[in-house]
């Protein structure tokens, strides 16, 4: 599997990579992000899918509930929205 455009760009531009990593570090410290990760990890452990390598994630649904879903689908869903905010 090949690298994304972003990965290729960041690999060849060390200063841009440092800036992105610093930004991600800041975002991942947010209490709301930490709370979300903790909640999903707890659910995944309870369902027995945490760290078993099956390629599934616990995904939030619009009604506030959660469901199991392919990791690639779950993590790709909001990419367009994230790009628009930058």
PDB file of N, CA and C in Angstrom:
ATOM      1  N   UNK A   1       0.841  -1.175   0.000  1.00  0.00           N
ATOM      2  CA  UNK A   1       0.000   0.000   0.000  1.00  0.00           C
ATOM      3  C   UNK A   1       0.888   1.240   0.000  1.00  0.00           C
ATOM      4  N   UNK A   2       0.606   2.199  -0.852  1.00  0.00           N
ATOM      5  CA  UNK A   2       1.407   3.409  -0.970  1.00  0.00           C
ATOM      6  C   UNK A   2       1.065   4.447   0.071  1.00  0.00           C
ATOM      7  N   UNK A   3       1.944   5.412   0.193  1.00  0.00           N
ATOM      8  CA  UNK A   3       1.725   6.500   1.137  1.00  0.00           C
ATOM      9  C   UNK A   3       0.777   7.537   0.543  1.00  0.00           C
ATOM     10  N   UNK A   4       0.073   8.231   1.419  1.00  0.00           N
ATOM     11  CA  UNK A   4      -0.814   9.304   0.972  1.00  0.00           C
ATOM     12  C   UNK A   4       0.020  10.507   0.551  1.00  0.00           C
ATOM     13  N   UNK A   5      -0.617  11.454  -0.127  1.00  0.00           N
ATOM     14  CA  UNK A   5       0.078  12.677  -0.531  1.00  0.00           C
ATOM     15  C   UNK A   5       0.654  13.397   0.693  1.00  0.00           C
ATOM     16  N   UNK A   6      -0.139  13.450   1.750  1.00  0.00           N
ATOM     17  CA  UNK A   6       0.300  14.137   2.959  1.00  0.00           C
ATOM     18  C   UNK A   6       1.534  13.462   3.540  1.00  0.00           C
ATOM     19  N   UNK A   7       1.519  12.131   3.616  1.00  0.00           N
ATOM     20  CA  UNK A   7       2.659  11.402   4.160  1.00  0.00           C
ATOM     21  C   UNK A   7       3.910  11.639   3.340  1.00  0.00           C
ATOM     22  N   UNK A   8       3.768  11.628   2.027  1.00  0.00           N
ATOM     23  CA  UNK A   8       4.927  11.873   1.160  1.00  0.00           C
ATOM     24  C   UNK A   8       5.456  13.289   1.355  1.00  0.00           C
ATOM     25  N   UNK A   9       4.552  14.251   1.448  1.00  0.00           N
ATOM     26  CA  UNK A   9       4.951  15.642   1.641  1.00  0.00           C
ATOM     27  C   UNK A   9       5.697  15.806   2.961  1.00  0.00           C
ATOM     28  N   UNK A  10       5.129  15.274   4.036  1.00  0.00           N
ATOM     29  CA  UNK A  10       5.733  15.438   5.352  1.00  0.00           C
ATOM     30  C   UNK A  10       7.067  14.709   5.456  1.00  0.00           C
ATOM     31  N   UNK A  11       7.211  13.610   4.732  1.00  0.00           N
ATOM     32  CA  UNK A  11       8.474  12.886   4.741  1.00  0.00           C
ATOM     33  C   UNK A  11       9.590  13.698   4.098  1.00  0.00           C
ATOM     34  N   UNK A  12       9.234  14.537   3.132  1.00  0.00           N
ATOM     35  CA  UNK A  12      10.250  15.319   2.435  1.00  0.00           C
ATOM     36  C   UNK A  12      10.379  16.757   2.938  1.00  0.00           C
ATOM     37  N   UNK A  13       9.559  17.149   3.903  1.00  0.00           N
ATOM     38  CA  UNK A  13       9.610  18.503   4.467  1.00  0.00           C
ATOM     39  C   UNK A  13       9.639  18.406   6.000  1.00  0.00           C
ATOM     40  N   UNK A  14      10.833  18.272   6.576  1.00  0.00           N
ATOM     41  CA  UNK A  14      10.951  18.063   8.026  1.00  0.00           C
ATOM     42  C   UNK A  14      10.331  19.170   8.883  1.00  0.00           C
ATOM     43  N   UNK A  15      10.430  20.425   8.447  1.00  0.00           N
ATOM     44  CA  UNK A  15       9.864  21.519   9.237  1.00  0.00           C
ATOM     45  C   UNK A  15       8.333  21.426   9.274  1.00  0.00           C
ATOM     46  N   UNK A  16       7.736  21.092   8.144  1.00  0.00           N
ATOM     47  CA  UNK A  16       6.287  20.931   8.092  1.00  0.00           C
ATOM     48  C   UNK A  16       5.854  19.759   8.978  1.00  0.00           C
ATOM     49  N   UNK A  17       6.653  18.694   8.972  1.00  0.00           N
ATOM     50  CA  UNK A  17       6.329  17.534   9.801  1.00  0.00           C
ATOM     51  C   UNK A  17       6.373  17.914  11.283  1.00  0.00           C
ATOM     52  N   UNK A  18       7.392  18.672  11.684  1.00  0.00           N
ATOM     53  CA  UNK A  18       7.499  19.105  13.089  1.00  0.00           C
ATOM     54  C   UNK A  18       6.287  19.955  13.484  1.00  0.00           C
ATOM     55  N   UNK A  19       5.875  20.860  12.595  1.00  0.00           N
ATOM     56  CA  UNK A  19       4.716  21.707  12.880  1.00  0.00           C
ATOM     57  C   UNK A  19       3.448  20.868  13.027  1.00  0.00           C
ATOM     58  N   UNK A  20       3.271  19.908  12.138  1.00  0.00           N
ATOM     59  CA  UNK A  20       2.074  19.060  12.192  1.00  0.00           C
ATOM     60  C   UNK A  20       2.059  18.226  13.466  1.00  0.00           C
ATOM     61  N   UNK A  21       3.203  17.659  13.816  1.00  0.00           N
ATOM     62  CA  UNK A  21       3.266  16.848  15.033  1.00  0.00           C
ATOM     63  C   UNK A  21       2.981  17.690  16.276  1.00  0.00           C
ATOM     64  N   UNK A  22       3.485  18.930  16.292  1.00  0.00           N
ATOM     65  CA  UNK A  22       3.224  19.822  17.424  1.00  0.00           C
ATOM     66  C   UNK A  22       1.726  20.131  17.517  1.00  0.00           C
ATOM     67  N   UNK A  23       1.098  20.373  16.369  1.00  0.00           N
ATOM     68  CA  UNK A  23      -0.343  20.659  16.346  1.00  0.00           C
ATOM     69  C   UNK A  23      -1.135  19.444  16.824  1.00  0.00           C
ATOM     70  N   UNK A  24      -0.790  18.251  16.316  1.00  0.00           N
ATOM     71  CA  UNK A  24      -1.499  17.033  16.708  1.00  0.00           C
ATOM     72  C   UNK A  24      -1.348  16.764  18.200  1.00  0.00           C
ATOM     73  N   UNK A  25      -0.157  17.034  18.731  1.00  0.00           N
ATOM     74  CA  UNK A  25       0.098  16.841  20.151  1.00  0.00           C
ATOM     75  C   UNK A  25      -0.846  17.715  20.976  1.00  0.00           C
ATOM     76  N   UNK A  26      -1.013  18.960  20.531  1.00  0.00           N
ATOM     77  CA  UNK A  26      -1.902  19.906  21.204  1.00  0.00           C
ATOM     78  C   UNK A  26      -3.361  19.436  21.138  1.00  0.00           C
ATOM     79  N   UNK A  27      -3.786  18.996  19.968  1.00  0.00           N
ATOM     80  CA  UNK A  27      -5.163  18.535  19.789  1.00  0.00           C
ATOM     81  C   UNK A  27      -5.439  17.307  20.641  1.00  0.00           C
ATOM     82  N   UNK A  28      -4.501  16.362  20.663  1.00  0.00           N
ATOM     83  CA  UNK A  28      -4.711  15.121  21.400  1.00  0.00           C
ATOM     84  C   UNK A  28      -4.733  15.293  22.906  1.00  0.00           C
ATOM     85  N   UNK A  29      -4.267  16.444  23.410  1.00  0.00           N
ATOM     86  CA  UNK A  29      -4.303  16.727  24.845  1.00  0.00           C
ATOM     87  C   UNK A  29      -5.634  17.304  25.296  1.00  0.00           C
ATOM     88  N   UNK A  30      -6.445  17.749  24.356  1.00  0.00           N
ATOM     89  CA  UNK A  30      -7.724  18.365  24.720  1.00  0.00           C
ATOM     90  C   UNK A  30      -8.551  17.410  25.570  1.00  0.00           C
ATOM     91  N   UNK A  31      -9.165  17.907  26.639  1.00  0.00           N
ATOM     92  CA  UNK A  31      -9.980  17.047  27.488  1.00  0.00           C
ATOM     93  C   UNK A  31     -11.075  16.315  26.713  1.00  0.00           C
ATOM     94  N   UNK A  32     -11.676  16.971  25.738  1.00  0.00           N
ATOM     95  CA  UNK A  32     -12.745  16.321  24.970  1.00  0.00           C
ATOM     96  C   UNK A  32     -12.192  15.144  24.154  1.00  0.00           C
ATOM     97  N   UNK A  33     -10.992  15.296  23.600  1.00  0.00           N
ATOM     98  CA  UNK A  33     -10.383  14.216  22.810  1.00  0.00           C
ATOM     99  C   UNK A  33      -9.985  13.048  23.712  1.00  0.00           C
ATOM    100  N   UNK A  34      -9.423  13.373  24.877  1.00  0.00           N
ATOM    101  CA  UNK A  34      -9.020  12.335  25.821  1.00  0.00           C
ATOM    102  C   UNK A  34     -10.252  11.546  26.270  1.00  0.00           C
ATOM    103  N   UNK A  35     -11.320  12.275  26.589  1.00  0.00           N
ATOM    104  CA  UNK A  35     -12.559  11.639  27.056  1.00  0.00           C
ATOM    105  C   UNK A  35     -13.106  10.685  25.990  1.00  0.00           C
ATOM    106  N   UNK A  36     -13.075  11.131  24.736  1.00  0.00           N
ATOM    107  CA  UNK A  36     -13.577  10.308  23.638  1.00  0.00           C
ATOM    108  C   UNK A  36     -12.751   9.025  23.490  1.00  0.00           C
ATOM    109  N   UNK A  37     -11.414   9.166  23.544  1.00  0.00           N
ATOM    110  CA  UNK A  37     -10.543   7.990  23.416  1.00  0.00           C
ATOM    111  C   UNK A  37     -10.761   7.013  24.552  1.00  0.00           C
ATOM    112  N   UNK A  38     -10.884   7.545  25.776  1.00  0.00           N
ATOM    113  CA  UNK A  38     -11.084   6.693  26.946  1.00  0.00           C
ATOM    114  C   UNK A  38     -12.391   5.914  26.815  1.00  0.00           C
ATOM    115  N   UNK A  39     -13.440   6.608  26.400  1.00  0.00           N
ATOM    116  CA  UNK A  39     -14.752   5.969  26.253  1.00  0.00           C
ATOM    117  C   UNK A  39     -14.705   4.834  25.221  1.00  0.00           C
ATOM    118  N   UNK A  40     -14.106   5.114  24.061  1.00  0.00           N
ATOM    119  CA  UNK A  40     -14.055   4.104  23.001  1.00  0.00           C
ATOM    120  C   UNK A  40     -13.162   2.924  23.384  1.00  0.00           C
ATOM    121  N   UNK A  41     -12.073   3.194  24.081  1.00  0.00           N
ATOM    122  CA  UNK A  41     -11.197   2.117  24.527  1.00  0.00           C
ATOM    123  C   UNK A  41     -11.914   1.228  25.531  1.00  0.00           C
ATOM    124  N   UNK A  42     -12.669   1.845  26.453  1.00  0.00           N
ATOM    125  CA  UNK A  42     -13.419   1.078  27.444  1.00  0.00           C
ATOM    126  C   UNK A  42     -14.426   0.150  26.759  1.00  0.00           C
ATOM    127  N   UNK A  43     -15.137   0.679  25.784  1.00  0.00           N
ATOM    128  CA  UNK A  43     -16.127  -0.119  25.060  1.00  0.00           C
ATOM    129  C   UNK A  43     -15.445  -1.251  24.288  1.00  0.00           C
ATOM    130  N   UNK A  44     -14.329  -0.940  23.634  1.00  0.00           N
ATOM    131  CA  UNK A  44     -13.609  -1.951  22.852  1.00  0.00           C
ATOM    132  C   UNK A  44     -13.100  -3.078  23.745  1.00  0.00           C
ATOM    133  N   UNK A  45     -12.581  -2.731  24.912  1.00  0.00           N
ATOM    134  CA  UNK A  45     -12.114  -3.764  25.846  1.00  0.00           C
ATOM    135  C   UNK A  45     -13.279  -4.638  26.306  1.00  0.00           C
ATOM    136  N   UNK A  46     -14.413  -3.991  26.597  1.00  0.00           N
ATOM    137  CA  UNK A  46     -15.604  -4.718  27.069  1.00  0.00           C
ATOM    138  C   UNK A  46     -16.092  -5.708  26.006  1.00  0.00           C
ATOM    139  N   UNK A  47     -16.042  -5.282  24.712  1.00  0.00           N
ATOM    140  CA  UNK A  47     -16.487  -6.153  23.626  1.00  0.00           C
ATOM    141  C   UNK A  47     -15.423  -7.152  23.202  1.00  0.00           C
ATOM    142  N   UNK A  48     -14.207  -6.997  23.745  1.00  0.00           N
ATOM    143  CA  UNK A  48     -13.138  -7.945  23.432  1.00  0.00           C
ATOM    144  C   UNK A  48     -12.460  -7.707  22.095  1.00  0.00           C
ATOM    145  N   UNK A  49     -12.589  -6.513  21.536  1.00  0.00           N
ATOM    146  CA  UNK A  49     -11.968  -6.240  20.235  1.00  0.00           C
ATOM    147  C   UNK A  49     -10.725  -5.368  20.357  1.00  0.00           C
ATOM    148  N   UNK A  50     -10.402  -4.913  21.564  1.00  0.00           N
ATOM    149  CA  UNK A  50      -9.249  -4.032  21.731  1.00  0.00           C
ATOM    150  C   UNK A  50      -7.955  -4.818  21.569  1.00  0.00           C
ATOM    151  N   UNK A  51      -7.188  -4.471  20.550  1.00  0.00           N
ATOM    152  CA  UNK A  51      -5.871  -5.059  20.358  1.00  0.00           C
ATOM    153  C   UNK A  51      -5.852  -6.482  19.835  1.00  0.00           C
ATOM    154  N   UNK A  52      -6.971  -6.968  19.297  1.00  0.00           N
ATOM    155  CA  UNK A  52      -6.973  -8.346  18.809  1.00  0.00           C
ATOM    156  C   UNK A  52      -6.637  -8.447  17.320  1.00  0.00           C
ATOM    157  N   UNK A  53      -6.417  -7.314  16.658  1.00  0.00           N
ATOM    158  CA  UNK A  53      -5.964  -7.329  15.270  1.00  0.00           C
ATOM    159  C   UNK A  53      -7.036  -7.636  14.244  1.00  0.00           C
ATOM    160  N   UNK A  54      -8.311  -7.533  14.592  1.00  0.00           N
ATOM    161  CA  UNK A  54      -9.374  -7.856  13.640  1.00  0.00           C
ATOM    162  C   UNK A  54      -9.711  -6.706  12.700  1.00  0.00           C
ATOM    163  N   UNK A  55      -9.097  -5.528  12.903  1.00  0.00           N
ATOM    164  CA  UNK A  55      -9.310  -4.396  12.008  1.00  0.00           C
ATOM    165  C   UNK A  55     -10.594  -3.635  12.262  1.00  0.00           C
ATOM    166  N   UNK A  56     -11.239  -3.855  13.409  1.00  0.00           N
ATOM    167  CA  UNK A  56     -12.484  -3.162  13.726  1.00  0.00           C
ATOM    168  C   UNK A  56     -12.244  -2.067  14.755  1.00  0.00           C
ATOM    169  N   UNK A  57     -13.022  -0.992  14.647  1.00  0.00           N
ATOM    170  CA  UNK A  57     -13.033   0.118  15.591  1.00  0.00           C
ATOM    171  C   UNK A  57     -14.421   0.213  16.204  1.00  0.00           C
ATOM    172  N   UNK A  58     -14.488   0.918  17.315  1.00  0.00           N
ATOM    173  CA  UNK A  58     -15.777   1.301  17.871  1.00  0.00           C
ATOM    174  C   UNK A  58     -16.058   2.694  17.316  1.00  0.00           C
ATOM    175  N   UNK A  59     -17.183   2.869  16.675  1.00  0.00           N
ATOM    176  CA  UNK A  59     -17.502   4.112  15.982  1.00  0.00           C
ATOM    177  C   UNK A  59     -18.710   4.775  16.622  1.00  0.00           C
ATOM    178  N   UNK A  60     -18.664   6.109  16.735  1.00  0.00           N
ATOM    179  CA  UNK A  60     -19.816   6.862  17.218  1.00  0.00           C
ATOM    180  C   UNK A  60     -20.843   6.998  16.095  1.00  0.00           C
ATOM    181  N   UNK A  61     -22.110   6.804  16.444  1.00  0.00           N
ATOM    182  CA  UNK A  61     -23.184   7.034  15.480  1.00  0.00           C
ATOM    183  C   UNK A  61     -23.817   8.393  15.771  1.00  0.00           C
ATOM    184  N   UNK A  62     -24.611   8.891  14.834  1.00  0.00           N
ATOM    185  CA  UNK A  62     -25.201  10.226  14.994  1.00  0.00           C
ATOM    186  C   UNK A  62     -26.178  10.304  16.168  1.00  0.00           C
ATOM    187  N   UNK A  63     -26.780   9.193  16.543  1.00  0.00           N
ATOM    188  CA  UNK A  63     -27.729   9.216  17.660  1.00  0.00           C
ATOM    189  C   UNK A  63     -27.042   9.118  19.026  1.00  0.00           C
ATOM    190  N   UNK A  64     -25.703   9.103  19.036  1.00  0.00           N
ATOM    191  CA  UNK A  64     -24.972   9.059  20.296  1.00  0.00           C
ATOM    192  C   UNK A  64     -24.548   7.668  20.723  1.00  0.00           C
ATOM    193  N   UNK A  65     -25.053   6.644  20.057  1.00  0.00           N
ATOM    194  CA  UNK A  65     -24.660   5.281  20.397  1.00  0.00           C
ATOM    195  C   UNK A  65     -23.348   4.931  19.678  1.00  0.00           C
ATOM    196  N   UNK A  66     -22.865   3.728  19.916  1.00  0.00           N
ATOM    197  CA  UNK A  66     -21.645   3.280  19.249  1.00  0.00           C
ATOM    198  C   UNK A  66     -21.895   1.961  18.533  1.00  0.00           C
ATOM    199  N   UNK A  67     -21.041   1.667  17.563  1.00  0.00           N
ATOM    200  CA  UNK A  67     -21.147   0.415  16.830  1.00  0.00           C
ATOM    201  C   UNK A  67     -19.756  -0.014  16.385  1.00  0.00           C
ATOM    202  N   UNK A  68     -19.594  -1.283  16.051  1.00  0.00           N
ATOM    203  CA  UNK A  68     -18.320  -1.763  15.534  1.00  0.00           C
ATOM    204  C   UNK A  68     -18.302  -1.555  14.030  1.00  0.00           C
ATOM    205  N   UNK A  69     -17.147  -1.103  13.528  1.00  0.00           N
ATOM    206  CA  UNK A  69     -17.038  -0.763  12.118  1.00  0.00           C
ATOM    207  C   UNK A  69     -15.578  -0.947  11.689  1.00  0.00           C
ATOM    208  N   UNK A  70     -15.371  -1.209  10.384  1.00  0.00           N
ATOM    209  CA  UNK A  70     -14.008  -1.319   9.873  1.00  0.00           C
ATOM    210  C   UNK A  70     -13.243  -0.044  10.215  1.00  0.00           C
ATOM    211  N   UNK A  71     -12.008  -0.191  10.679  1.00  0.00           N
ATOM    212  CA  UNK A  71     -11.202   0.962  11.082  1.00  0.00           C
ATOM    213  C   UNK A  71     -10.983   1.918   9.919  1.00  0.00           C
ATOM    214  N   UNK A  72     -10.736   1.398   8.736  1.00  0.00           N
ATOM    215  CA  UNK A  72     -10.457   2.264   7.588  1.00  0.00           C
ATOM    216  C   UNK A  72     -11.661   3.133   7.245  1.00  0.00           C
ATOM    217  N   UNK A  73     -12.854   2.591   7.342  1.00  0.00           N
ATOM    218  CA  UNK A  73     -14.078   3.346   7.058  1.00  0.00           C
ATOM    219  C   UNK A  73     -14.304   4.404   8.132  1.00  0.00           C
ATOM    220  N   UNK A  74     -14.150   3.998   9.395  1.00  0.00           N
ATOM    221  CA  UNK A  74     -14.382   4.896  10.514  1.00  0.00           C
ATOM    222  C   UNK A  74     -13.415   6.073  10.484  1.00  0.00           C
ATOM    223  N   UNK A  75     -12.150   5.808  10.225  1.00  0.00           N
ATOM    224  CA  UNK A  75     -11.134   6.864  10.301  1.00  0.00           C
ATOM    225  C   UNK A  75     -11.121   7.753   9.071  1.00  0.00           C
ATOM    226  N   UNK A  76     -11.706   7.307   7.976  1.00  0.00           N
ATOM    227  CA  UNK A  76     -11.716   8.095   6.747  1.00  0.00           C
ATOM    228  C   UNK A  76     -12.956   8.980   6.637  1.00  0.00           C
ATOM    229  N   UNK A  77     -13.964   8.742   7.436  1.00  0.00           N
ATOM    230  CA  UNK A  77     -15.261   9.382   7.269  1.00  0.00           C
ATOM    231  C   UNK A  77     -15.200  10.905   7.244  1.00  0.00           C
ATOM    232  N   UNK A  78     -14.499  11.524   8.152  1.00  0.00           N
ATOM    233  CA  UNK A  78     -14.537  12.982   8.264  1.00  0.00           C
ATOM    234  C   UNK A  78     -13.313  13.669   7.694  1.00  0.00           C
ATOM    235  N   UNK A  79     -12.561  13.040   6.853  1.00  0.00           N
ATOM    236  CA  UNK A  79     -11.347  13.653   6.308  1.00  0.00           C
ATOM    237  C   UNK A  79     -11.647  14.953   5.566  1.00  0.00           C
ATOM    238  N   UNK A  80     -12.715  15.004   4.789  1.00  0.00           N
ATOM    239  CA  UNK A  80     -13.041  16.216   4.041  1.00  0.00           C
ATOM    240  C   UNK A  80     -13.348  17.379   4.975  1.00  0.00           C
ATOM    241  N   UNK A  81     -14.050  17.116   6.062  1.00  0.00           N
ATOM    242  CA  UNK A  81     -14.394  18.156   7.028  1.00  0.00           C
ATOM    243  C   UNK A  81     -13.136  18.681   7.692  1.00  0.00           C
ATOM    244  N   UNK A  82     -12.206  17.778   8.019  1.00  0.00           N
ATOM    245  CA  UNK A  82     -10.970  18.204   8.683  1.00  0.00           C
ATOM    246  C   UNK A  82     -10.136  19.080   7.751  1.00  0.00           C
ATOM    247  N   UNK A  83     -10.064  18.725   6.494  1.00  0.00           N
ATOM    248  CA  UNK A  83      -9.278  19.508   5.539  1.00  0.00           C
ATOM    249  C   UNK A  83      -9.863  20.904   5.370  1.00  0.00           C
ATOM    250  N   UNK A  84     -11.187  21.023   5.401  1.00  0.00           N
ATOM    251  CA  UNK A  84     -11.847  22.306   5.192  1.00  0.00           C
ATOM    252  C   UNK A  84     -11.578  23.274   6.346  1.00  0.00           C
ATOM    253  N   UNK A  85     -11.351  22.756   7.558  1.00  0.00           N
ATOM    254  CA  UNK A  85     -11.126  23.607   8.725  1.00  0.00           C
ATOM    255  C   UNK A  85      -9.758  24.261   8.709  1.00  0.00           C
ATOM    256  N   UNK A  86      -8.787  23.666   8.056  1.00  0.00           N
ATOM    257  CA  UNK A  86      -7.412  24.173   8.095  1.00  0.00           C
ATOM    258  C   UNK A  86      -7.241  25.444   7.364  1.00  0.00           C
TER     259      UNK A  86
END
